[in-house]
Amino acid sequence: MFRITVKIDGMMCGMCESHVNDAIRRVFPVKKVTSSHRKGEAVILTDTDLDQEKICEVIGKTGYRVLSVGKDTYKKKGLFGFQK
């Protein structure tokens, strides 16, 4: 599983977060996506590696600007995380 952190400029409120999340969900097969206008980022959890250029394009179409994209592997934590 991958965790992709996208730094985004221009999000000002919860509705902005929702626009970004919806745009990402429409295009990519994600497990989870959460955005924070306070942190200026979106965090995507997915089983497949996503194309950075496509992420920038999708978010750019919503009117926000991608500052950076970071990827790392993600291992589920918690009570049942040991089973995977």
PDB file of N, CA and C in Angstrom:
ATOM      1  N   MET A   1       0.852  -1.168   0.000  1.00  0.00           N
ATOM      2  CA  MET A   1       0.000   0.000   0.000  1.00  0.00           C
ATOM      3  C   MET A   1       0.898   1.232   0.000  1.00  0.00           C
ATOM      4  N   PHE A   2       0.447   2.276  -0.673  1.00  0.00           N
ATOM      5  CA  PHE A   2       1.195   3.518  -0.782  1.00  0.00           C
ATOM      6  C   PHE A   2       0.461   4.659  -0.081  1.00  0.00           C
ATOM      7  N   ARG A   3       1.244   5.562   0.520  1.00  0.00           N
ATOM      8  CA  ARG A   3       0.703   6.811   1.054  1.00  0.00           C
ATOM      9  C   ARG A   3       1.325   7.933   0.225  1.00  0.00           C
ATOM     10  N   ILE A   4       0.467   8.691  -0.428  1.00  0.00           N
ATOM     11  CA  ILE A   4       0.919   9.789  -1.279  1.00  0.00           C
ATOM     12  C   ILE A   4       0.462  11.092  -0.630  1.00  0.00           C
ATOM     13  N   THR A   5       1.424  11.947  -0.311  1.00  0.00           N
ATOM     14  CA  THR A   5       1.130  13.232   0.314  1.00  0.00           C
ATOM     15  C   THR A   5       1.328  14.332  -0.719  1.00  0.00           C
ATOM     16  N   VAL A   6       0.261  15.077  -0.966  1.00  0.00           N
ATOM     17  CA  VAL A   6       0.279  16.129  -1.977  1.00  0.00           C
ATOM     18  C   VAL A   6       0.142  17.471  -1.270  1.00  0.00           C
ATOM     19  N   LYS A   7       1.144  18.313  -1.390  1.00  0.00           N
ATOM     20  CA  LYS A   7       1.088  19.672  -0.853  1.00  0.00           C
ATOM     21  C   LYS A   7       0.349  20.544  -1.856  1.00  0.00           C
ATOM     22  N   ILE A   8      -0.685  21.250  -1.376  1.00  0.00           N
ATOM     23  CA  ILE A   8      -1.569  22.004  -2.260  1.00  0.00           C
ATOM     24  C   ILE A   8      -1.685  23.448  -1.783  1.00  0.00           C
ATOM     25  N   ASP A   9      -1.612  24.365  -2.728  1.00  0.00           N
ATOM     26  CA  ASP A   9      -1.776  25.784  -2.438  1.00  0.00           C
ATOM     27  C   ASP A   9      -3.157  26.238  -2.894  1.00  0.00           C
ATOM     28  N   GLY A  10      -3.867  26.981  -2.048  1.00  0.00           N
ATOM     29  CA  GLY A  10      -5.130  27.573  -2.449  1.00  0.00           C
ATOM     30  C   GLY A  10      -6.363  27.075  -1.717  1.00  0.00           C
ATOM     31  N   MET A  11      -6.251  25.995  -0.957  1.00  0.00           N
ATOM     32  CA  MET A  11      -7.419  25.515  -0.210  1.00  0.00           C
ATOM     33  C   MET A  11      -7.651  26.443   0.980  1.00  0.00           C
ATOM     34  N   MET A  12      -8.915  26.909   1.127  1.00  0.00           N
ATOM     35  CA  MET A  12      -9.221  27.874   2.178  1.00  0.00           C
ATOM     36  C   MET A  12     -10.243  27.374   3.201  1.00  0.00           C
ATOM     37  N   CYS A  13     -10.967  26.281   2.880  1.00  0.00           N
ATOM     38  CA  CYS A  13     -12.052  25.855   3.764  1.00  0.00           C
ATOM     39  C   CYS A  13     -12.357  24.371   3.553  1.00  0.00           C
ATOM     40  N   GLY A  14     -13.325  23.886   4.284  1.00  0.00           N
ATOM     41  CA  GLY A  14     -13.739  22.491   4.184  1.00  0.00           C
ATOM     42  C   GLY A  14     -14.310  22.141   2.823  1.00  0.00           C
ATOM     43  N   MET A  15     -14.952  23.104   2.171  1.00  0.00           N
ATOM     44  CA  MET A  15     -15.502  22.848   0.839  1.00  0.00           C
ATOM     45  C   MET A  15     -14.374  22.639  -0.169  1.00  0.00           C
ATOM     46  N   CYS A  16     -13.282  23.367  -0.011  1.00  0.00           N
ATOM     47  CA  CYS A  16     -12.110  23.178  -0.869  1.00  0.00           C
ATOM     48  C   CYS A  16     -11.570  21.757  -0.710  1.00  0.00           C
ATOM     49  N   GLU A  17     -11.501  21.303   0.538  1.00  0.00           N
ATOM     50  CA  GLU A  17     -11.047  19.938   0.812  1.00  0.00           C
ATOM     51  C   GLU A  17     -11.940  18.928   0.100  1.00  0.00           C
ATOM     52  N   SER A  18     -13.229  19.146   0.169  1.00  0.00           N
ATOM     53  CA  SER A  18     -14.192  18.256  -0.467  1.00  0.00           C
ATOM     54  C   SER A  18     -14.013  18.215  -1.984  1.00  0.00           C
ATOM     55  N   HIS A  19     -13.767  19.359  -2.601  1.00  0.00           N
ATOM     56  CA  HIS A  19     -13.550  19.422  -4.058  1.00  0.00           C
ATOM     57  C   HIS A  19     -12.338  18.596  -4.448  1.00  0.00           C
ATOM     58  N   VAL A  20     -11.256  18.741  -3.708  1.00  0.00           N
ATOM     59  CA  VAL A  20     -10.027  17.998  -3.991  1.00  0.00           C
ATOM     60  C   VAL A  20     -10.274  16.503  -3.806  1.00  0.00           C
ATOM     61  N   ASN A  21     -10.894  16.119  -2.684  1.00  0.00           N
ATOM     62  CA  ASN A  21     -11.155  14.704  -2.418  1.00  0.00           C
ATOM     63  C   ASN A  21     -12.010  14.082  -3.508  1.00  0.00           C
ATOM     64  N   ASP A  22     -13.074  14.763  -3.905  1.00  0.00           N
ATOM     65  CA  ASP A  22     -13.968  14.243  -4.940  1.00  0.00           C
ATOM     66  C   ASP A  22     -13.254  14.087  -6.274  1.00  0.00           C
ATOM     67  N   ALA A  23     -12.425  15.054  -6.635  1.00  0.00           N
ATOM     68  CA  ALA A  23     -11.691  14.989  -7.898  1.00  0.00           C
ATOM     69  C   ALA A  23     -10.751  13.783  -7.910  1.00  0.00           C
ATOM     70  N   ILE A  24     -10.076  13.543  -6.807  1.00  0.00           N
ATOM     71  CA  ILE A  24      -9.148  12.416  -6.716  1.00  0.00           C
ATOM     72  C   ILE A  24      -9.911  11.093  -6.778  1.00  0.00           C
ATOM     73  N   ARG A  25     -11.005  10.993  -6.049  1.00  0.00           N
ATOM     74  CA  ARG A  25     -11.803   9.757  -6.039  1.00  0.00           C
ATOM     75  C   ARG A  25     -12.382   9.425  -7.415  1.00  0.00           C
ATOM     76  N   ARG A  26     -12.750  10.446  -8.186  1.00  0.00           N
ATOM     77  CA  ARG A  26     -13.335  10.215  -9.513  1.00  0.00           C
ATOM     78  C   ARG A  26     -12.341   9.600 -10.486  1.00  0.00           C
ATOM     79  N   VAL A  27     -11.062   9.916 -10.337  1.00  0.00           N
ATOM     80  CA  VAL A  27     -10.065   9.514 -11.328  1.00  0.00           C
ATOM     81  C   VAL A  27      -9.222   8.311 -10.893  1.00  0.00           C
ATOM     82  N   PHE A  28      -8.943   8.201  -9.601  1.00  0.00           N
ATOM     83  CA  PHE A  28      -8.018   7.177  -9.132  1.00  0.00           C
ATOM     84  C   PHE A  28      -8.711   6.139  -8.241  1.00  0.00           C
ATOM     85  N   PRO A  29      -8.209   4.900  -8.281  1.00  0.00           N
ATOM     86  CA  PRO A  29      -8.730   3.857  -7.384  1.00  0.00           C
ATOM     87  C   PRO A  29      -8.062   3.970  -6.008  1.00  0.00           C
ATOM     88  N   VAL A  30      -8.643   4.747  -5.112  1.00  0.00           N
ATOM     89  CA  VAL A  30      -8.030   4.990  -3.810  1.00  0.00           C
ATOM     90  C   VAL A  30      -8.782   4.255  -2.707  1.00  0.00           C
ATOM     91  N   LYS A  31      -8.064   3.905  -1.670  1.00  0.00           N
ATOM     92  CA  LYS A  31      -8.680   3.325  -0.476  1.00  0.00           C
ATOM     93  C   LYS A  31      -9.252   4.435   0.401  1.00  0.00           C
ATOM     94  N   LYS A  32      -8.464   5.529   0.517  1.00  0.00           N
ATOM     95  CA  LYS A  32      -8.862   6.641   1.374  1.00  0.00           C
ATOM     96  C   LYS A  32      -8.154   7.904   0.898  1.00  0.00           C
ATOM     97  N   VAL A  33      -8.861   9.025   0.973  1.00  0.00           N
ATOM     98  CA  VAL A  33      -8.238  10.313   0.686  1.00  0.00           C
ATOM     99  C   VAL A  33      -8.767  11.324   1.693  1.00  0.00           C
ATOM    100  N   THR A  34      -7.852  12.067   2.299  1.00  0.00           N
ATOM    101  CA  THR A  34      -8.233  13.121   3.234  1.00  0.00           C
ATOM    102  C   THR A  34      -7.426  14.369   2.902  1.00  0.00           C
ATOM    103  N   SER A  35      -8.084  15.506   2.972  1.00  0.00           N
ATOM    104  CA  SER A  35      -7.415  16.777   2.705  1.00  0.00           C
ATOM    105  C   SER A  35      -7.566  17.691   3.919  1.00  0.00           C
ATOM    106  N   SER A  36      -6.596  18.592   4.072  1.00  0.00           N
ATOM    107  CA  SER A  36      -6.634  19.564   5.150  1.00  0.00           C
ATOM    108  C   SER A  36      -6.222  20.921   4.598  1.00  0.00           C
ATOM    109  N   HIS A  37      -7.143  21.887   4.665  1.00  0.00           N
ATOM    110  CA  HIS A  37      -6.780  23.226   4.207  1.00  0.00           C
ATOM    111  C   HIS A  37      -5.812  23.891   5.179  1.00  0.00           C
ATOM    112  N   ARG A  38      -5.874  23.498   6.439  1.00  0.00           N
ATOM    113  CA  ARG A  38      -4.948  24.083   7.433  1.00  0.00           C
ATOM    114  C   ARG A  38      -3.518  23.628   7.200  1.00  0.00           C
ATOM    115  N   LYS A  39      -3.349  22.355   6.863  1.00  0.00           N
ATOM    116  CA  LYS A  39      -2.012  21.825   6.575  1.00  0.00           C
ATOM    117  C   LYS A  39      -1.610  22.086   5.130  1.00  0.00           C
ATOM    118  N   GLY A  40      -2.601  22.353   4.273  1.00  0.00           N
ATOM    119  CA  GLY A  40      -2.323  22.565   2.860  1.00  0.00           C
ATOM    120  C   GLY A  40      -1.895  21.293   2.167  1.00  0.00           C
ATOM    121  N   GLU A  41      -2.581  20.189   2.486  1.00  0.00           N
ATOM    122  CA  GLU A  41      -2.185  18.925   1.878  1.00  0.00           C
ATOM    123  C   GLU A  41      -3.353  17.955   1.747  1.00  0.00           C
ATOM    124  N   ALA A  42      -3.163  16.982   0.870  1.00  0.00           N
ATOM    125  CA  ALA A  42      -4.071  15.860   0.722  1.00  0.00           C
ATOM    126  C   ALA A  42      -3.242  14.596   0.895  1.00  0.00           C
ATOM    127  N   VAL A  43      -3.786  13.619   1.618  1.00  0.00           N
ATOM    128  CA  VAL A  43      -3.108  12.349   1.819  1.00  0.00           C
ATOM    129  C   VAL A  43      -3.964  11.256   1.186  1.00  0.00           C
ATOM    130  N   ILE A  44      -3.345  10.502   0.287  1.00  0.00           N
ATOM    131  CA  ILE A  44      -4.032   9.466  -0.467  1.00  0.00           C
ATOM    132  C   ILE A  44      -3.454   8.112  -0.068  1.00  0.00           C
ATOM    133  N   LEU A  45      -4.333   7.168   0.272  1.00  0.00           N
ATOM    134  CA  LEU A  45      -3.923   5.786   0.520  1.00  0.00           C
ATOM    135  C   LEU A  45      -4.447   4.936  -0.628  1.00  0.00           C
ATOM    136  N   THR A  46      -3.561   4.182  -1.249  1.00  0.00           N
ATOM    137  CA  THR A  46      -3.930   3.384  -2.411  1.00  0.00           C
ATOM    138  C   THR A  46      -3.097   2.117  -2.499  1.00  0.00           C
ATOM    139  N   ASP A  47      -3.662   1.108  -3.147  1.00  0.00           N
ATOM    140  CA  ASP A  47      -2.931  -0.145  -3.353  1.00  0.00           C
ATOM    141  C   ASP A  47      -1.971  -0.057  -4.533  1.00  0.00           C
ATOM    142  N   THR A  48      -2.244   0.842  -5.465  1.00  0.00           N
ATOM    143  CA  THR A  48      -1.407   0.973  -6.656  1.00  0.00           C
ATOM    144  C   THR A  48      -0.693   2.320  -6.652  1.00  0.00           C
ATOM    145  N   ASP A  49       0.469   2.347  -7.256  1.00  0.00           N
ATOM    146  CA  ASP A  49       1.224   3.592  -7.367  1.00  0.00           C
ATOM    147  C   ASP A  49       0.527   4.498  -8.377  1.00  0.00           C
ATOM    148  N   LEU A  50       0.376   5.764  -8.052  1.00  0.00           N
ATOM    149  CA  LEU A  50      -0.308   6.710  -8.925  1.00  0.00           C
ATOM    150  C   LEU A  50       0.708   7.615  -9.623  1.00  0.00           C
ATOM    151  N   ASP A  51       0.384   8.013 -10.841  1.00  0.00           N
ATOM    152  CA  ASP A  51       1.238   8.880 -11.635  1.00  0.00           C
ATOM    153  C   ASP A  51       1.208  10.306 -11.079  1.00  0.00           C
ATOM    154  N   GLN A  52       2.371  10.845 -10.742  1.00  0.00           N
ATOM    155  CA  GLN A  52       2.460  12.184 -10.149  1.00  0.00           C
ATOM    156  C   GLN A  52       1.933  13.262 -11.086  1.00  0.00           C
ATOM    157  N   GLU A  53       2.240  13.152 -12.358  1.00  0.00           N
ATOM    158  CA  GLU A  53       1.777  14.156 -13.323  1.00  0.00           C
ATOM    159  C   GLU A  53       0.252  14.160 -13.415  1.00  0.00           C
ATOM    160  N   LYS A  54      -0.352  12.988 -13.378  1.00  0.00           N
ATOM    161  CA  LYS A  54      -1.807  12.881 -13.452  1.00  0.00           C
ATOM    162  C   LYS A  54      -2.442  13.477 -12.192  1.00  0.00           C
ATOM    163  N   ILE A  55      -1.825  13.254 -11.034  1.00  0.00           N
ATOM    164  CA  ILE A  55      -2.319  13.844  -9.784  1.00  0.00           C
ATOM    165  C   ILE A  55      -2.312  15.365  -9.894  1.00  0.00           C
ATOM    166  N   CYS A  56      -1.210  15.922 -10.382  1.00  0.00           N
ATOM    167  CA  CYS A  56      -1.098  17.380 -10.544  1.00  0.00           C
ATOM    168  C   CYS A  56      -2.150  17.902 -11.513  1.00  0.00           C
ATOM    169  N   GLU A  57      -2.373  17.161 -12.589  1.00  0.00           N
ATOM    170  CA  GLU A  57      -3.359  17.570 -13.594  1.00  0.00           C
ATOM    171  C   GLU A  57      -4.775  17.580 -13.011  1.00  0.00           C
ATOM    172  N   VAL A  58      -5.126  16.512 -12.288  1.00  0.00           N
ATOM    173  CA  VAL A  58      -6.474  16.387 -11.720  1.00  0.00           C
ATOM    174  C   VAL A  58      -6.735  17.497 -10.694  1.00  0.00           C
ATOM    175  N   ILE A  59      -5.781  17.735  -9.814  1.00  0.00           N
ATOM    176  CA  ILE A  59      -5.953  18.767  -8.796  1.00  0.00           C
ATOM    177  C   ILE A  59      -5.916  20.157  -9.438  1.00  0.00           C
ATOM    178  N   GLY A  60      -5.070  20.337 -10.441  1.00  0.00           N
ATOM    179  CA  GLY A  60      -4.988  21.610 -11.145  1.00  0.00           C
ATOM    180  C   GLY A  60      -6.312  22.000 -11.788  1.00  0.00           C
ATOM    181  N   LYS A  61      -7.055  21.017 -12.279  1.00  0.00           N
ATOM    182  CA  LYS A  61      -8.351  21.290 -12.902  1.00  0.00           C
ATOM    183  C   LYS A  61      -9.385  21.790 -11.899  1.00  0.00           C
ATOM    184  N   THR A  62      -9.162  21.553 -10.612  1.00  0.00           N
ATOM    185  CA  THR A  62     -10.085  22.039  -9.586  1.00  0.00           C
ATOM    186  C   THR A  62      -9.791  23.491  -9.202  1.00  0.00           C
ATOM    187  N   GLY A  63      -8.670  24.035  -9.700  1.00  0.00           N
ATOM    188  CA  GLY A  63      -8.334  25.426  -9.427  1.00  0.00           C
ATOM    189  C   GLY A  63      -7.272  25.612  -8.362  1.00  0.00           C
ATOM    190  N   TYR A  64      -6.715  24.525  -7.864  1.00  0.00           N
ATOM    191  CA  TYR A  64      -5.670  24.601  -6.842  1.00  0.00           C
ATOM    192  C   TYR A  64      -4.329  24.248  -7.476  1.00  0.00           C
ATOM    193  N   ARG A  65      -3.259  24.635  -6.809  1.00  0.00           N
ATOM    194  CA  ARG A  65      -1.917  24.407  -7.356  1.00  0.00           C
ATOM    195  C   ARG A  65      -1.166  23.404  -6.495  1.00  0.00           C
ATOM    196  N   VAL A  66      -0.631  22.376  -7.136  1.00  0.00           N
ATOM    197  CA  VAL A  66       0.166  21.361  -6.435  1.00  0.00           C
ATOM    198  C   VAL A  66       1.583  21.897  -6.268  1.00  0.00           C
ATOM    199  N   LEU A  67       2.053  21.885  -5.022  1.00  0.00           N
ATOM    200  CA  LEU A  67       3.408  22.347  -4.725  1.00  0.00           C
ATOM    201  C   LEU A  67       4.408  21.198  -4.762  1.00  0.00           C
ATOM    202  N   SER A  68       3.995  20.034  -4.255  1.00  0.00           N
ATOM    203  CA  SER A  68       4.878  18.866  -4.260  1.00  0.00           C
ATOM    204  C   SER A  68       4.057  17.594  -4.055  1.00  0.00           C
ATOM    205  N   VAL A  69       4.657  16.474  -4.463  1.00  0.00           N
ATOM    206  CA  VAL A  69       4.038  15.163  -4.286  1.00  0.00           C
ATOM    207  C   VAL A  69       5.086  14.249  -3.684  1.00  0.00           C
ATOM    208  N   GLY A  70       4.761  13.635  -2.539  1.00  0.00           N
ATOM    209  CA  GLY A  70       5.672  12.701  -1.889  1.00  0.00           C
ATOM    210  C   GLY A  70       5.023  11.339  -1.761  1.00  0.00           C
ATOM    211  N   LYS A  71       5.822  10.295  -1.954  1.00  0.00           N
ATOM    212  CA  LYS A  71       5.295   8.928  -1.871  1.00  0.00           C
ATOM    213  C   LYS A  71       6.125   8.116  -0.888  1.00  0.00           C
ATOM    214  N   ASP A  72       5.442   7.265  -0.147  1.00  0.00           N
ATOM    215  CA  ASP A  72       6.127   6.275   0.672  1.00  0.00           C
ATOM    216  C   ASP A  72       5.213   5.071   0.854  1.00  0.00           C
ATOM    217  N   THR A  73       5.793   3.979   1.306  1.00  0.00           N
ATOM    218  CA  THR A  73       4.976   2.795   1.550  1.00  0.00           C
ATOM    219  C   THR A  73       4.238   2.966   2.860  1.00  0.00           C
ATOM    220  N   TYR A  74       3.103   2.326   2.946  1.00  0.00           N
ATOM    221  CA  TYR A  74       2.245   2.474   4.121  1.00  0.00           C
ATOM    222  C   TYR A  74       1.869   1.100   4.625  1.00  0.00           C
ATOM    223  N   LYS A  75       2.067   0.889   5.901  1.00  0.00           N
ATOM    224  CA  LYS A  75       1.656  -0.357   6.524  1.00  0.00           C
ATOM    225  C   LYS A  75       0.584  -0.020   7.545  1.00  0.00           C
ATOM    226  N   LYS A  76      -0.542  -0.675   7.402  1.00  0.00           N
ATOM    227  CA  LYS A  76      -1.666  -0.419   8.292  1.00  0.00           C
ATOM    228  C   LYS A  76      -1.255  -0.704   9.731  1.00  0.00           C
ATOM    229  N   LYS A  77      -1.651   0.207  10.618  1.00  0.00           N
ATOM    230  CA  LYS A  77      -1.343   0.058  12.031  1.00  0.00           C
ATOM    231  C   LYS A  77      -2.612  -0.227  12.796  1.00  0.00           C
ATOM    232  N   GLY A  78      -2.471  -0.628  14.011  1.00  0.00           N
ATOM    233  CA  GLY A  78      -3.640  -0.854  14.839  1.00  0.00           C
ATOM    234  C   GLY A  78      -3.803  -2.317  15.193  1.00  0.00           C
ATOM    235  N   LEU A  79      -4.930  -2.627  15.765  1.00  0.00           N
ATOM    236  CA  LEU A  79      -5.207  -3.958  16.285  1.00  0.00           C
ATOM    237  C   LEU A  79      -5.100  -5.047  15.227  1.00  0.00           C
ATOM    238  N   PHE A  80      -5.619  -4.796  14.033  1.00  0.00           N
ATOM    239  CA  PHE A  80      -5.639  -5.822  13.014  1.00  0.00           C
ATOM    240  C   PHE A  80      -4.593  -5.611  11.927  1.00  0.00           C
ATOM    241  N   GLY A  81      -3.719  -4.677  12.114  1.00  0.00           N
ATOM    242  CA  GLY A  81      -2.678  -4.382  11.133  1.00  0.00           C
ATOM    243  C   GLY A  81      -1.683  -5.499  10.955  1.00  0.00           C
ATOM    244  N   PHE A  82      -1.521  -6.353  11.946  1.00  0.00           N
ATOM    245  CA  PHE A  82      -0.554  -7.434  11.863  1.00  0.00           C
ATOM    246  C   PHE A  82      -0.981  -8.535  10.916  1.00  0.00           C
ATOM    247  N   GLN A  83      -2.258  -8.577  10.527  1.00  0.00           N
ATOM    248  CA  GLN A  83      -2.768  -9.652   9.710  1.00  0.00           C
ATOM    249  C   GLN A  83      -2.409  -9.511   8.237  1.00  0.00           C
ATOM    250  N   LYS A  84      -1.991  -8.352   7.797  1.00  0.00           N
ATOM    251  CA  LYS A  84      -1.721  -8.144   6.366  1.00  0.00           C
ATOM    252  C   LYS A  84      -0.282  -8.358   6.041  1.00  0.00           C
TER     253      LYS A  84
END
